[in-house]
Amino acid sequence: MDAELRCRCGAVEGRIRNASPAAVNRLVCYCDDCQAFAQYLGRSDLVDVFGGTDIVQVAPASVSFTRGGDQIVGLRLSAKGLHRWYARCCKTPLGNTLGPAIPFVGIVAQAFGDAEVFGKPRGAIQGRFALGEPPDRSIGQELRLAARAFRMIIGWRLGRKAWPNPFFDQKTGLPNRPLTILSPAERDALRR
């Protein structure tokens, strides 16, 4: 089964092949970087009342864009931070990546027409950055969720699901989309 992926205004469309709870890792992330990214985009609707972002982690080869690729741009909150890809037309996040060496794309669940195809979130991470009292099960699950993500990444690497990657050039390993890197002052201004 495939899952449709699209930006809020519809200019960018894509899909995730072989969408199922067994093929992905879904979780809620409360980290201050995810909150800063939502702030950068001006999209408070991307986080819950505690500052959590619902993310579906998939293999890069399962992601393809069928329309609007020229609208996709990237941001790094620091020189060594995640690559955070989004549609510049309507500021919809389209994927977080570590880099081409680690086959992993984390996509905000709201970018899917029906995120329920991926099942419910398996847990939450980085609860110490939550706004207010950390939600239940947002602290102390990192090891279990990280172990699942690690197993999936190893499986995606061994299963040759790292390429094609929608955000990096396979020959050079460099981003294939425009990328902005924030200064420390710019990043700090986005943190609450």
N, C-alpha and C. Protein backbone atom coordinates (compact mmCIF):
# COMPACT_ATOMS: atom_id res chain seq x y z
N MET A 1 0.84 -1.17 0.00
CA MET A 1 0.00 0.00 0.00
C MET A 1 0.89 1.24 0.00
N ASP A 2 0.49 2.25 -0.75
CA ASP A 2 1.21 3.51 -0.78
C ASP A 2 0.46 4.55 0.04
N ALA A 3 1.19 5.53 0.55
CA ALA A 3 0.59 6.64 1.29
C ALA A 3 0.90 7.92 0.52
N GLU A 4 -0.11 8.74 0.33
CA GLU A 4 0.06 10.01 -0.35
C GLU A 4 0.69 11.03 0.59
N LEU A 5 1.62 11.80 0.04
CA LEU A 5 2.35 12.84 0.77
C LEU A 5 2.12 14.13 0.00
N ARG A 6 1.78 15.21 0.71
CA ARG A 6 1.59 16.47 0.00
C ARG A 6 1.75 17.65 0.95
N CYS A 7 2.11 18.77 0.35
CA CYS A 7 2.21 19.99 1.15
C CYS A 7 0.82 20.56 1.36
N ARG A 8 0.70 21.51 2.23
CA ARG A 8 -0.59 22.08 2.62
C ARG A 8 -1.33 22.70 1.44
N CYS A 9 -0.62 23.36 0.51
CA CYS A 9 -1.30 24.01 -0.62
C CYS A 9 -1.44 23.11 -1.83
N GLY A 10 -0.80 21.94 -1.81
CA GLY A 10 -0.94 20.98 -2.91
C GLY A 10 0.07 21.15 -4.04
N ALA A 11 0.98 22.12 -3.94
CA ALA A 11 1.98 22.32 -5.00
C ALA A 11 2.99 21.18 -5.04
N VAL A 12 3.28 20.56 -3.89
CA VAL A 12 4.22 19.44 -3.82
C VAL A 12 3.44 18.18 -3.48
N GLU A 13 3.63 17.15 -4.28
CA GLU A 13 2.97 15.87 -4.03
C GLU A 13 4.00 14.76 -4.15
N GLY A 14 3.76 13.71 -3.41
CA GLY A 14 4.64 12.55 -3.45
C GLY A 14 3.95 11.36 -2.84
N ARG A 15 4.75 10.32 -2.59
CA ARG A 15 4.18 9.12 -1.99
C ARG A 15 5.25 8.34 -1.24
N ILE A 16 4.76 7.51 -0.35
CA ILE A 16 5.60 6.57 0.38
C ILE A 16 5.16 5.19 -0.08
N ARG A 17 6.08 4.43 -0.66
CA ARG A 17 5.76 3.07 -1.10
C ARG A 17 5.81 2.11 0.09
N ASN A 18 4.98 1.10 0.02
CA ASN A 18 4.93 0.05 1.04
C ASN A 18 4.70 0.61 2.44
N ALA A 19 3.69 1.44 2.57
CA ALA A 19 3.37 2.07 3.85
C ALA A 19 2.63 1.08 4.75
N SER A 20 3.17 0.87 5.93
CA SER A 20 2.53 0.01 6.92
C SER A 20 3.23 0.23 8.26
N PRO A 21 2.58 -0.10 9.37
CA PRO A 21 3.23 0.05 10.68
C PRO A 21 4.53 -0.76 10.79
N ALA A 22 4.61 -1.88 10.11
CA ALA A 22 5.82 -2.71 10.20
C ALA A 22 7.00 -2.12 9.43
N ALA A 23 6.72 -1.25 8.45
CA ALA A 23 7.77 -0.72 7.60
C ALA A 23 8.30 0.63 8.06
N VAL A 24 7.71 1.21 9.13
CA VAL A 24 8.10 2.53 9.58
C VAL A 24 8.27 2.55 11.09
N ASN A 25 8.76 3.67 11.58
CA ASN A 25 8.81 3.94 13.01
C ASN A 25 8.06 5.26 13.21
N ARG A 26 7.00 5.24 14.00
CA ARG A 26 6.22 6.46 14.24
C ARG A 26 6.31 6.82 15.72
N LEU A 27 6.64 8.10 15.98
CA LEU A 27 6.80 8.57 17.35
C LEU A 27 6.50 10.05 17.45
N VAL A 28 6.40 10.55 18.66
CA VAL A 28 6.24 11.98 18.91
C VAL A 28 7.55 12.49 19.49
N CYS A 29 8.08 13.54 18.88
CA CYS A 29 9.35 14.13 19.34
C CYS A 29 9.08 15.49 19.97
N TYR A 30 9.59 15.68 21.19
CA TYR A 30 9.42 16.94 21.91
C TYR A 30 10.68 17.79 21.92
N CYS A 31 11.67 17.46 21.11
CA CYS A 31 12.95 18.17 21.18
C CYS A 31 12.79 19.65 20.82
N ASP A 32 13.71 20.44 21.36
CA ASP A 32 13.65 21.88 21.11
C ASP A 32 13.96 22.22 19.65
N ASP A 33 14.68 21.36 18.94
CA ASP A 33 14.94 21.62 17.52
C ASP A 33 13.67 21.46 16.68
N CYS A 34 12.86 20.44 16.96
CA CYS A 34 11.59 20.29 16.23
C CYS A 34 10.68 21.49 16.53
N GLN A 35 10.69 21.94 17.78
CA GLN A 35 9.88 23.12 18.13
C GLN A 35 10.41 24.37 17.43
N ALA A 36 11.74 24.51 17.36
CA ALA A 36 12.35 25.67 16.68
C ALA A 36 12.04 25.65 15.19
N PHE A 37 12.04 24.46 14.59
CA PHE A 37 11.74 24.35 13.16
C PHE A 37 10.29 24.78 12.89
N ALA A 38 9.35 24.34 13.71
CA ALA A 38 7.95 24.75 13.55
C ALA A 38 7.84 26.27 13.71
N GLN A 39 8.60 26.83 14.64
CA GLN A 39 8.62 28.28 14.84
C GLN A 39 9.18 28.98 13.60
N TYR A 40 10.28 28.45 13.04
CA TYR A 40 10.89 29.01 11.84
C TYR A 40 9.88 29.05 10.69
N LEU A 41 9.10 27.97 10.56
CA LEU A 41 8.11 27.89 9.49
C LEU A 41 6.85 28.71 9.78
N GLY A 42 6.72 29.18 11.02
CA GLY A 42 5.50 29.88 11.38
C GLY A 42 4.30 28.95 11.44
N ARG A 43 4.54 27.70 11.86
CA ARG A 43 3.51 26.66 11.82
C ARG A 43 3.29 26.07 13.21
N SER A 44 2.64 26.81 14.07
CA SER A 44 2.34 26.30 15.41
C SER A 44 1.40 25.11 15.36
N ASP A 45 0.71 24.92 14.24
CA ASP A 45 -0.19 23.77 14.09
C ASP A 45 0.56 22.44 13.96
N LEU A 46 1.87 22.49 13.80
CA LEU A 46 2.65 21.26 13.64
C LEU A 46 3.01 20.60 14.96
N VAL A 47 2.81 21.31 16.07
CA VAL A 47 3.16 20.76 17.37
C VAL A 47 1.91 20.66 18.24
N ASP A 48 1.92 19.69 19.16
CA ASP A 48 0.80 19.56 20.08
C ASP A 48 0.95 20.57 21.23
N VAL A 49 0.06 20.55 22.18
CA VAL A 49 0.09 21.54 23.26
C VAL A 49 1.35 21.46 24.11
N PHE A 50 2.05 20.34 24.07
CA PHE A 50 3.29 20.16 24.82
C PHE A 50 4.53 20.44 23.95
N GLY A 51 4.32 20.83 22.67
CA GLY A 51 5.43 21.08 21.77
C GLY A 51 5.91 19.85 21.02
N GLY A 52 5.12 18.77 21.02
CA GLY A 52 5.51 17.53 20.35
C GLY A 52 5.13 17.51 18.88
N THR A 53 5.98 16.87 18.09
CA THR A 53 5.74 16.70 16.66
C THR A 53 5.59 15.22 16.35
N ASP A 54 4.50 14.85 15.70
CA ASP A 54 4.22 13.47 15.30
C ASP A 54 5.02 13.17 14.04
N ILE A 55 5.95 12.22 14.12
CA ILE A 55 6.88 11.94 13.01
C ILE A 55 6.79 10.48 12.59
N VAL A 56 6.80 10.27 11.27
CA VAL A 56 6.84 8.93 10.68
C VAL A 56 8.22 8.78 10.04
N GLN A 57 9.00 7.81 10.52
CA GLN A 57 10.35 7.58 9.99
C GLN A 57 10.31 6.46 8.96
N VAL A 58 10.84 6.74 7.75
CA VAL A 58 10.77 5.81 6.63
C VAL A 58 12.13 5.68 5.95
N ALA A 59 12.26 4.69 5.10
CA ALA A 59 13.47 4.51 4.29
C ALA A 59 13.49 5.52 3.15
N PRO A 60 14.64 6.12 2.83
CA PRO A 60 14.71 7.10 1.75
C PRO A 60 14.19 6.58 0.41
N ALA A 61 14.49 5.34 0.06
CA ALA A 61 14.07 4.80 -1.24
C ALA A 61 12.56 4.66 -1.35
N SER A 62 11.85 4.69 -0.23
CA SER A 62 10.39 4.57 -0.29
C SER A 62 9.72 5.91 -0.57
N VAL A 63 10.49 7.02 -0.51
CA VAL A 63 9.94 8.36 -0.70
C VAL A 63 10.20 8.83 -2.12
N SER A 64 9.16 9.31 -2.78
CA SER A 64 9.34 9.93 -4.09
C SER A 64 8.39 11.11 -4.21
N PHE A 65 8.84 12.13 -4.93
CA PHE A 65 8.01 13.29 -5.19
C PHE A 65 7.60 13.28 -6.65
N THR A 66 6.32 13.46 -6.90
CA THR A 66 5.79 13.38 -8.26
C THR A 66 5.45 14.75 -8.83
N ARG A 67 5.44 15.76 -7.97
CA ARG A 67 5.10 17.10 -8.42
C ARG A 67 5.69 18.13 -7.45
N GLY A 68 6.14 19.26 -8.00
CA GLY A 68 6.58 20.37 -7.17
C GLY A 68 7.96 20.26 -6.58
N GLY A 69 8.82 19.43 -7.16
CA GLY A 69 10.17 19.27 -6.62
C GLY A 69 10.94 20.57 -6.54
N ASP A 70 10.62 21.53 -7.41
CA ASP A 70 11.31 22.82 -7.39
C ASP A 70 10.93 23.66 -6.18
N GLN A 71 9.90 23.27 -5.45
CA GLN A 71 9.46 23.99 -4.26
C GLN A 71 10.14 23.49 -2.98
N ILE A 72 10.89 22.38 -3.08
CA ILE A 72 11.50 21.77 -1.90
C ILE A 72 12.85 22.42 -1.60
N VAL A 73 12.98 22.91 -0.37
CA VAL A 73 14.22 23.54 0.09
C VAL A 73 14.55 22.97 1.47
N GLY A 74 15.76 23.23 1.92
CA GLY A 74 16.20 22.67 3.20
C GLY A 74 16.71 23.72 4.17
N LEU A 75 16.74 23.31 5.43
CA LEU A 75 17.23 24.16 6.50
C LEU A 75 18.00 23.29 7.48
N ARG A 76 19.09 23.83 7.98
CA ARG A 76 19.80 23.20 9.10
C ARG A 76 19.83 24.23 10.22
N LEU A 77 19.41 23.83 11.40
CA LEU A 77 19.41 24.75 12.53
C LEU A 77 20.81 25.04 13.04
N SER A 78 21.77 24.19 12.65
CA SER A 78 23.18 24.40 12.94
C SER A 78 23.98 23.68 11.86
N ALA A 79 25.26 23.95 11.81
CA ALA A 79 26.10 23.37 10.76
C ALA A 79 26.12 21.85 10.79
N LYS A 80 25.89 21.25 11.96
CA LYS A 80 25.90 19.79 12.07
C LYS A 80 24.52 19.22 12.39
N GLY A 81 23.49 20.04 12.32
CA GLY A 81 22.15 19.58 12.65
C GLY A 81 21.49 18.78 11.53
N LEU A 82 20.30 18.29 11.83
CA LEU A 82 19.51 17.58 10.82
C LEU A 82 19.27 18.46 9.61
N HIS A 83 19.14 17.83 8.46
CA HIS A 83 18.66 18.52 7.27
C HIS A 83 17.14 18.46 7.38
N ARG A 84 16.49 19.61 7.39
CA ARG A 84 15.03 19.67 7.53
C ARG A 84 14.47 20.24 6.23
N TRP A 85 13.82 19.39 5.45
CA TRP A 85 13.32 19.73 4.13
C TRP A 85 11.86 20.15 4.22
N TYR A 86 11.50 21.17 3.45
CA TYR A 86 10.12 21.65 3.49
C TYR A 86 9.73 22.28 2.16
N ALA A 87 8.42 22.47 1.96
CA ALA A 87 7.90 23.13 0.77
C ALA A 87 7.89 24.63 1.03
N ARG A 88 8.66 25.36 0.24
CA ARG A 88 8.74 26.81 0.47
C ARG A 88 7.43 27.52 0.15
N CYS A 89 6.59 26.90 -0.68
CA CYS A 89 5.33 27.52 -1.07
C CYS A 89 4.38 27.73 0.11
N CYS A 90 4.32 26.77 1.03
CA CYS A 90 3.36 26.85 2.14
C CYS A 90 3.96 26.41 3.47
N LYS A 91 5.29 26.25 3.49
CA LYS A 91 6.01 25.92 4.74
C LYS A 91 5.58 24.60 5.36
N THR A 92 5.38 23.59 4.52
CA THR A 92 5.05 22.25 5.02
C THR A 92 6.31 21.41 5.11
N PRO A 93 6.63 20.85 6.28
CA PRO A 93 7.80 19.96 6.39
C PRO A 93 7.59 18.70 5.55
N LEU A 94 8.65 18.30 4.84
CA LEU A 94 8.56 17.13 3.97
C LEU A 94 9.54 16.03 4.33
N GLY A 95 10.45 16.29 5.26
CA GLY A 95 11.38 15.24 5.67
C GLY A 95 12.56 15.78 6.44
N ASN A 96 12.95 15.05 7.47
CA ASN A 96 14.18 15.33 8.22
C ASN A 96 15.15 14.20 7.91
N THR A 97 16.38 14.56 7.62
CA THR A 97 17.40 13.55 7.32
C THR A 97 18.67 13.86 8.08
N LEU A 98 19.42 12.80 8.37
CA LEU A 98 20.71 12.97 9.03
C LEU A 98 21.80 13.22 8.00
N GLY A 99 21.67 12.65 6.83
CA GLY A 99 22.64 12.72 5.74
C GLY A 99 22.54 11.45 4.93
N PRO A 100 23.19 11.40 3.79
CA PRO A 100 23.04 10.23 2.92
C PRO A 100 23.64 8.95 3.48
N ALA A 101 24.56 9.04 4.41
CA ALA A 101 25.19 7.84 4.97
C ALA A 101 24.25 7.07 5.89
N ILE A 102 23.24 7.75 6.43
CA ILE A 102 22.30 7.10 7.33
C ILE A 102 20.93 7.12 6.68
N PRO A 103 20.46 5.98 6.18
CA PRO A 103 19.20 5.93 5.43
C PRO A 103 17.99 6.11 6.34
N PHE A 104 17.49 7.33 6.37
CA PHE A 104 16.44 7.68 7.31
C PHE A 104 15.79 8.98 6.85
N VAL A 105 14.45 9.01 6.78
CA VAL A 105 13.70 10.23 6.53
C VAL A 105 12.56 10.27 7.54
N GLY A 106 12.52 11.33 8.35
CA GLY A 106 11.44 11.52 9.31
C GLY A 106 10.47 12.55 8.76
N ILE A 107 9.22 12.16 8.56
CA ILE A 107 8.23 13.03 7.94
C ILE A 107 7.12 13.35 8.94
N VAL A 108 6.78 14.63 9.05
CA VAL A 108 5.70 15.05 9.93
C VAL A 108 4.40 14.39 9.46
N ALA A 109 3.71 13.74 10.38
CA ALA A 109 2.51 12.97 10.03
C ALA A 109 1.46 13.81 9.32
N GLN A 110 1.41 15.11 9.59
CA GLN A 110 0.41 15.97 8.96
C GLN A 110 0.62 16.13 7.46
N ALA A 111 1.76 15.71 6.93
CA ALA A 111 2.00 15.80 5.49
C ALA A 111 1.31 14.67 4.72
N PHE A 112 0.74 13.72 5.45
CA PHE A 112 0.06 12.59 4.81
C PHE A 112 -1.45 12.82 4.81
N GLY A 113 -2.09 12.39 3.73
CA GLY A 113 -3.54 12.45 3.69
C GLY A 113 -4.15 11.59 4.78
N ASP A 114 -3.55 10.43 5.02
CA ASP A 114 -4.03 9.52 6.05
C ASP A 114 -2.83 8.88 6.74
N ALA A 115 -2.39 9.48 7.83
CA ALA A 115 -1.23 8.96 8.56
C ALA A 115 -1.57 7.70 9.34
N GLU A 116 -2.84 7.38 9.50
CA GLU A 116 -3.24 6.19 10.26
C GLU A 116 -2.79 4.90 9.59
N VAL A 117 -2.47 4.96 8.30
CA VAL A 117 -1.95 3.78 7.61
C VAL A 117 -0.65 3.30 8.26
N PHE A 118 0.02 4.20 8.98
CA PHE A 118 1.27 3.87 9.66
C PHE A 118 1.06 3.41 11.10
N GLY A 119 -0.18 3.35 11.54
CA GLY A 119 -0.47 2.98 12.92
C GLY A 119 -0.29 4.17 13.85
N LYS A 120 -0.53 3.94 15.10
CA LYS A 120 -0.38 4.99 16.12
C LYS A 120 1.09 5.17 16.46
N PRO A 121 1.47 6.35 17.01
CA PRO A 121 2.86 6.51 17.47
C PRO A 121 3.21 5.44 18.51
N ARG A 122 4.41 4.90 18.41
CA ARG A 122 4.88 3.85 19.32
C ARG A 122 5.35 4.41 20.66
N GLY A 123 5.50 5.71 20.72
CA GLY A 123 5.96 6.34 21.95
C GLY A 123 6.41 7.75 21.67
N ALA A 124 7.15 8.31 22.62
CA ALA A 124 7.61 9.69 22.51
C ALA A 124 9.05 9.78 23.01
N ILE A 125 9.74 10.79 22.51
CA ILE A 125 11.13 11.02 22.91
C ILE A 125 11.34 12.49 23.27
N GLN A 126 12.42 12.75 23.98
CA GLN A 126 12.86 14.10 24.32
C GLN A 126 11.84 14.87 25.14
N GLY A 127 11.10 14.18 25.99
CA GLY A 127 10.08 14.80 26.82
C GLY A 127 10.62 15.89 27.73
N ARG A 128 11.91 15.87 28.01
CA ARG A 128 12.47 16.91 28.89
C ARG A 128 12.36 18.30 28.26
N PHE A 129 12.14 18.36 26.93
CA PHE A 129 11.98 19.65 26.25
C PHE A 129 10.51 20.04 26.08
N ALA A 130 9.61 19.21 26.56
CA ALA A 130 8.17 19.49 26.42
C ALA A 130 7.82 20.81 27.10
N LEU A 131 6.78 21.43 26.60
CA LEU A 131 6.28 22.66 27.21
C LEU A 131 5.41 22.27 28.40
N GLY A 132 5.75 22.79 29.56
CA GLY A 132 5.02 22.41 30.76
C GLY A 132 5.47 21.05 31.26
N GLU A 133 4.58 20.36 31.94
CA GLU A 133 4.87 19.03 32.48
C GLU A 133 5.05 18.03 31.34
N PRO A 134 6.13 17.25 31.32
CA PRO A 134 6.30 16.27 30.24
C PRO A 134 5.13 15.29 30.18
N PRO A 135 4.61 15.03 28.99
CA PRO A 135 3.51 14.08 28.84
C PRO A 135 3.91 12.68 29.29
N ASP A 136 2.91 11.88 29.70
CA ASP A 136 3.17 10.49 30.06
C ASP A 136 3.90 9.80 28.92
N ARG A 137 4.83 8.92 29.29
CA ARG A 137 5.59 8.09 28.35
C ARG A 137 6.47 8.90 27.40
N SER A 138 6.81 10.15 27.76
CA SER A 138 7.70 10.93 26.89
C SER A 138 9.13 10.96 27.41
N ILE A 139 9.33 10.40 28.59
CA ILE A 139 10.68 10.32 29.17
C ILE A 139 10.91 8.85 29.54
N GLY A 140 12.10 8.36 29.22
CA GLY A 140 12.44 6.99 29.58
C GLY A 140 12.18 5.96 28.50
N GLN A 141 11.66 6.38 27.36
CA GLN A 141 11.42 5.44 26.26
C GLN A 141 12.47 5.55 25.17
N GLU A 142 13.38 6.50 25.31
CA GLU A 142 14.32 6.75 24.24
C GLU A 142 15.10 5.51 23.82
N LEU A 143 15.52 4.72 24.79
CA LEU A 143 16.32 3.54 24.46
C LEU A 143 15.54 2.54 23.61
N ARG A 144 14.31 2.25 23.99
CA ARG A 144 13.49 1.30 23.24
C ARG A 144 13.20 1.82 21.83
N LEU A 145 12.81 3.08 21.72
CA LEU A 145 12.50 3.65 20.41
C LEU A 145 13.76 3.80 19.55
N ALA A 146 14.87 4.18 20.18
CA ALA A 146 16.13 4.30 19.44
C ALA A 146 16.59 2.94 18.93
N ALA A 147 16.41 1.89 19.73
CA ALA A 147 16.79 0.55 19.30
C ALA A 147 15.96 0.12 18.09
N ARG A 148 14.67 0.42 18.11
CA ARG A 148 13.82 0.09 16.95
C ARG A 148 14.29 0.87 15.72
N ALA A 149 14.53 2.18 15.88
CA ALA A 149 14.99 3.00 14.76
C ALA A 149 16.32 2.48 14.23
N PHE A 150 17.24 2.12 15.12
CA PHE A 150 18.54 1.60 14.71
C PHE A 150 18.38 0.31 13.90
N ARG A 151 17.52 -0.61 14.38
CA ARG A 151 17.27 -1.86 13.64
C ARG A 151 16.70 -1.57 12.26
N MET A 152 15.80 -0.60 12.18
CA MET A 152 15.21 -0.27 10.89
C MET A 152 16.25 0.33 9.95
N ILE A 153 17.08 1.24 10.47
CA ILE A 153 18.11 1.87 9.64
C ILE A 153 19.10 0.83 9.12
N ILE A 154 19.51 -0.09 9.97
CA ILE A 154 20.42 -1.17 9.52
C ILE A 154 19.72 -2.01 8.45
N GLY A 155 18.47 -2.35 8.67
CA GLY A 155 17.71 -3.10 7.68
C GLY A 155 17.57 -2.36 6.36
N TRP A 156 17.32 -1.06 6.43
CA TRP A 156 17.20 -0.26 5.21
C TRP A 156 18.54 -0.19 4.48
N ARG A 157 19.62 -0.11 5.24
CA ARG A 157 20.94 -0.06 4.62
C ARG A 157 21.28 -1.40 3.94
N LEU A 158 21.10 -2.48 4.69
CA LEU A 158 21.38 -3.80 4.13
C LEU A 158 20.43 -4.16 3.00
N GLY A 159 19.20 -3.68 3.09
CA GLY A 159 18.19 -3.95 2.06
C GLY A 159 18.25 -3.01 0.88
N ARG A 160 19.29 -2.19 0.84
CA ARG A 160 19.52 -1.24 -0.26
C ARG A 160 18.36 -0.26 -0.44
N LYS A 161 17.87 0.24 0.68
CA LYS A 161 16.77 1.21 0.64
C LYS A 161 17.25 2.62 0.95
N ALA A 162 18.59 2.82 0.87
CA ALA A 162 19.15 4.15 1.09
C ALA A 162 19.04 5.01 -0.17
N TRP A 163 19.01 4.36 -1.32
CA TRP A 163 18.96 5.06 -2.61
C TRP A 163 17.87 4.45 -3.48
N PRO A 164 17.20 5.27 -4.27
CA PRO A 164 17.42 6.70 -4.42
C PRO A 164 16.96 7.46 -3.19
N ASN A 165 17.62 8.58 -2.94
CA ASN A 165 17.29 9.44 -1.82
C ASN A 165 16.72 10.73 -2.42
N PRO A 166 15.52 11.15 -2.01
CA PRO A 166 14.90 12.33 -2.63
C PRO A 166 15.59 13.65 -2.32
N PHE A 167 16.55 13.65 -1.39
CA PHE A 167 17.15 14.91 -0.96
C PHE A 167 18.66 15.02 -1.21
N PHE A 168 19.30 13.92 -1.62
CA PHE A 168 20.76 13.93 -1.82
C PHE A 168 21.12 13.30 -3.17
N ASP A 169 22.20 13.81 -3.76
CA ASP A 169 22.75 13.26 -4.99
C ASP A 169 23.60 12.04 -4.66
N GLN A 170 23.35 10.93 -5.32
CA GLN A 170 24.05 9.69 -4.98
C GLN A 170 25.53 9.75 -5.31
N LYS A 171 25.92 10.43 -6.38
CA LYS A 171 27.33 10.47 -6.77
C LYS A 171 28.16 11.35 -5.83
N THR A 172 27.62 12.50 -5.45
CA THR A 172 28.40 13.44 -4.64
C THR A 172 28.08 13.34 -3.14
N GLY A 173 26.91 12.83 -2.81
CA GLY A 173 26.48 12.79 -1.42
C GLY A 173 26.02 14.13 -0.89
N LEU A 174 25.95 15.12 -1.77
CA LEU A 174 25.55 16.47 -1.37
C LEU A 174 24.05 16.67 -1.54
N PRO A 175 23.47 17.63 -0.81
CA PRO A 175 22.05 17.92 -0.99
C PRO A 175 21.75 18.30 -2.44
N ASN A 176 20.62 17.83 -2.94
CA ASN A 176 20.23 18.16 -4.31
C ASN A 176 19.16 19.26 -4.34
N ARG A 177 19.00 19.95 -3.23
CA ARG A 177 18.03 21.04 -3.08
C ARG A 177 18.73 22.21 -2.39
N PRO A 178 18.22 23.44 -2.59
CA PRO A 178 18.81 24.58 -1.87
C PRO A 178 18.74 24.38 -0.35
N LEU A 179 19.79 24.78 0.33
CA LEU A 179 19.90 24.54 1.77
C LEU A 179 20.40 25.80 2.48
N THR A 180 19.73 26.17 3.55
CA THR A 180 20.12 27.30 4.39
C THR A 180 20.60 26.76 5.73
N ILE A 181 21.69 27.32 6.24
CA ILE A 181 22.19 26.94 7.57
C ILE A 181 22.08 28.17 8.47
N LEU A 182 21.38 28.04 9.57
CA LEU A 182 21.20 29.16 10.49
C LEU A 182 22.46 29.39 11.33
N SER A 183 22.65 30.63 11.69
CA SER A 183 23.72 30.97 12.63
C SER A 183 23.23 30.60 14.03
N PRO A 184 24.15 30.47 15.00
CA PRO A 184 23.71 30.18 16.37
C PRO A 184 22.71 31.22 16.89
N ALA A 185 22.91 32.49 16.57
CA ALA A 185 21.99 33.53 17.03
C ALA A 185 20.61 33.36 16.40
N GLU A 186 20.57 33.02 15.11
CA GLU A 186 19.28 32.81 14.44
C GLU A 186 18.56 31.61 15.06
N ARG A 187 19.30 30.53 15.32
CA ARG A 187 18.71 29.34 15.92
C ARG A 187 18.19 29.65 17.32
N ASP A 188 19.00 30.32 18.12
CA ASP A 188 18.60 30.62 19.50
C ASP A 188 17.37 31.51 19.56
N ALA A 189 17.21 32.39 18.57
CA ALA A 189 16.04 33.27 18.53
C ALA A 189 14.75 32.49 18.31
N LEU A 190 14.85 31.28 17.76
CA LEU A 190 13.67 30.45 17.50
C LEU A 190 13.27 29.60 18.70
N ARG A 191 14.16 29.44 19.64
CA ARG A 191 13.88 28.59 20.81
C ARG A 191 13.07 29.37 21.82
N ARG A 192 12.14 28.68 22.45
CA ARG A 192 11.25 29.34 23.43
C ARG A 192 11.97 29.56 24.73
